[in-house]
């Protein structure tokens, strides 16, 4: 359990530092992020039919970035298999908590269930990030 506390404590410290580097007080940053999230959610549900499905896709795409192979291999190297899966599941659930709270507010209980199951299932998948960077040396050597 101490491992999980250390990991998520470190993640929180890193997030606060990112807000400070961006030029925001961390408390003000959290307030702005939550306000923007709530405003976006209200807007989406007021303007779009089937917004709950789009909302679930947005939430799952937010956790998708945590499924990158290199990142997961690093976590597997550092933590035991049991701790690794606990971290992945908790990470995904923490990310979707704001979405779950808003869906509960909207009484979209099936969507909440689908989002929870989806976020847990995403904990077990990894993907390889493809780079869009081309090899400029090869391009330059062929042109000159």
Foldseek 3Di string as FASTA:
>chain_A
DVVLVVVVVVVVVVVCVVCVVVPHHSVVVVVVVLVVVVVVLVVQVVPDPPSLVVLLVVLLVVLQVCQAPVNLVVLVVVDPPVVSLVNQLVVSCVSCVVVLVVCVVVVVVVSNVVSSVSSSVSSPHHDHDDDPDDDVVVVVVVVD
